[in-house]
């Protein structure tokens, strides 16, 4: 893992925790959030 990716990974973990708390269907929303983050990360 590159050092510059660590903050984004921490944000991802925080989002996962948030979604897991709020959403009953957590696994699917996690996949959705991860896909969105990956798309925005590699779009640049």
C-alpha atoms as a PDB file:
ATOM      1  CA  UNK A   1       0.000   0.000   0.000  1.00  0.00           C
ATOM      2  CA  UNK A   2       1.296   3.422  -0.908  1.00  0.00           C
ATOM      3  CA  UNK A   3       1.607   5.983   1.859  1.00  0.00           C
ATOM      4  CA  UNK A   4      -0.593   8.485   0.045  1.00  0.00           C
ATOM      5  CA  UNK A   5      -3.402   5.940  -0.095  1.00  0.00           C
ATOM      6  CA  UNK A   6      -3.583   5.508   3.667  1.00  0.00           C
ATOM      7  CA  UNK A   7      -5.864   8.491   4.398  1.00  0.00           C
ATOM      8  CA  UNK A   8      -8.323   7.278   1.765  1.00  0.00           C
ATOM      9  CA  UNK A   9      -8.238   3.807   3.255  1.00  0.00           C
ATOM     10  CA  UNK A  10      -9.010   5.228   6.699  1.00  0.00           C
ATOM     11  CA  UNK A  11     -11.925   7.149   5.208  1.00  0.00           C
ATOM     12  CA  UNK A  12     -13.112   3.932   3.601  1.00  0.00           C
ATOM     13  CA  UNK A  13     -13.002   2.104   6.938  1.00  0.00           C
ATOM     14  CA  UNK A  14     -14.911   4.934   8.614  1.00  0.00           C
ATOM     15  CA  UNK A  15     -17.567   4.822   5.902  1.00  0.00           C
ATOM     16  CA  UNK A  16     -17.822   1.046   6.287  1.00  0.00           C
ATOM     17  CA  UNK A  17     -18.422   1.383  10.032  1.00  0.00           C
ATOM     18  CA  UNK A  18     -21.023   4.093   9.473  1.00  0.00           C
ATOM     19  CA  UNK A  19     -22.860   2.076   6.835  1.00  0.00           C
ATOM     20  CA  UNK A  20     -22.715  -1.092   8.897  1.00  0.00           C
ATOM     21  CA  UNK A  21     -24.370   0.761  11.780  1.00  0.00           C
ATOM     22  CA  UNK A  22     -27.068   2.486   9.759  1.00  0.00           C
ATOM     23  CA  UNK A  23     -27.907  -0.077   7.095  1.00  0.00           C
ATOM     24  CA  UNK A  24     -29.561  -3.441   7.596  1.00  0.00           C
ATOM     25  CA  UNK A  25     -28.265  -4.550   4.213  1.00  0.00           C
ATOM     26  CA  UNK A  26     -24.730  -3.558   5.136  1.00  0.00           C
ATOM     27  CA  UNK A  27     -22.792  -5.899   2.857  1.00  0.00           C
ATOM     28  CA  UNK A  28     -24.506  -4.609  -0.265  1.00  0.00           C
ATOM     29  CA  UNK A  29     -24.160  -0.958   0.706  1.00  0.00           C
ATOM     30  CA  UNK A  30     -20.493  -1.568   1.506  1.00  0.00           C
ATOM     31  CA  UNK A  31     -19.935  -2.990  -1.953  1.00  0.00           C
ATOM     32  CA  UNK A  32     -21.780  -0.024  -3.448  1.00  0.00           C
ATOM     33  CA  UNK A  33     -19.725   2.493  -1.469  1.00  0.00           C
ATOM     34  CA  UNK A  34     -16.463   0.736  -2.314  1.00  0.00           C
ATOM     35  CA  UNK A  35     -17.315   0.723  -6.007  1.00  0.00           C
ATOM     36  CA  UNK A  36     -18.114   4.441  -5.887  1.00  0.00           C
ATOM     37  CA  UNK A  37     -14.850   5.220  -4.108  1.00  0.00           C
ATOM     38  CA  UNK A  38     -12.795   3.093  -6.479  1.00  0.00           C
ATOM     39  CA  UNK A  39     -14.438   4.742  -9.475  1.00  0.00           C
ATOM     40  CA  UNK A  40     -13.743   8.243  -8.205  1.00  0.00           C
ATOM     41  CA  UNK A  41     -10.201   7.296  -7.192  1.00  0.00           C
ATOM     42  CA  UNK A  42      -9.176   6.001 -10.619  1.00  0.00           C
ATOM     43  CA  UNK A  43     -11.161   8.483 -12.687  1.00  0.00           C
ATOM     44  CA  UNK A  44      -8.450  11.156 -12.354  1.00  0.00           C
END
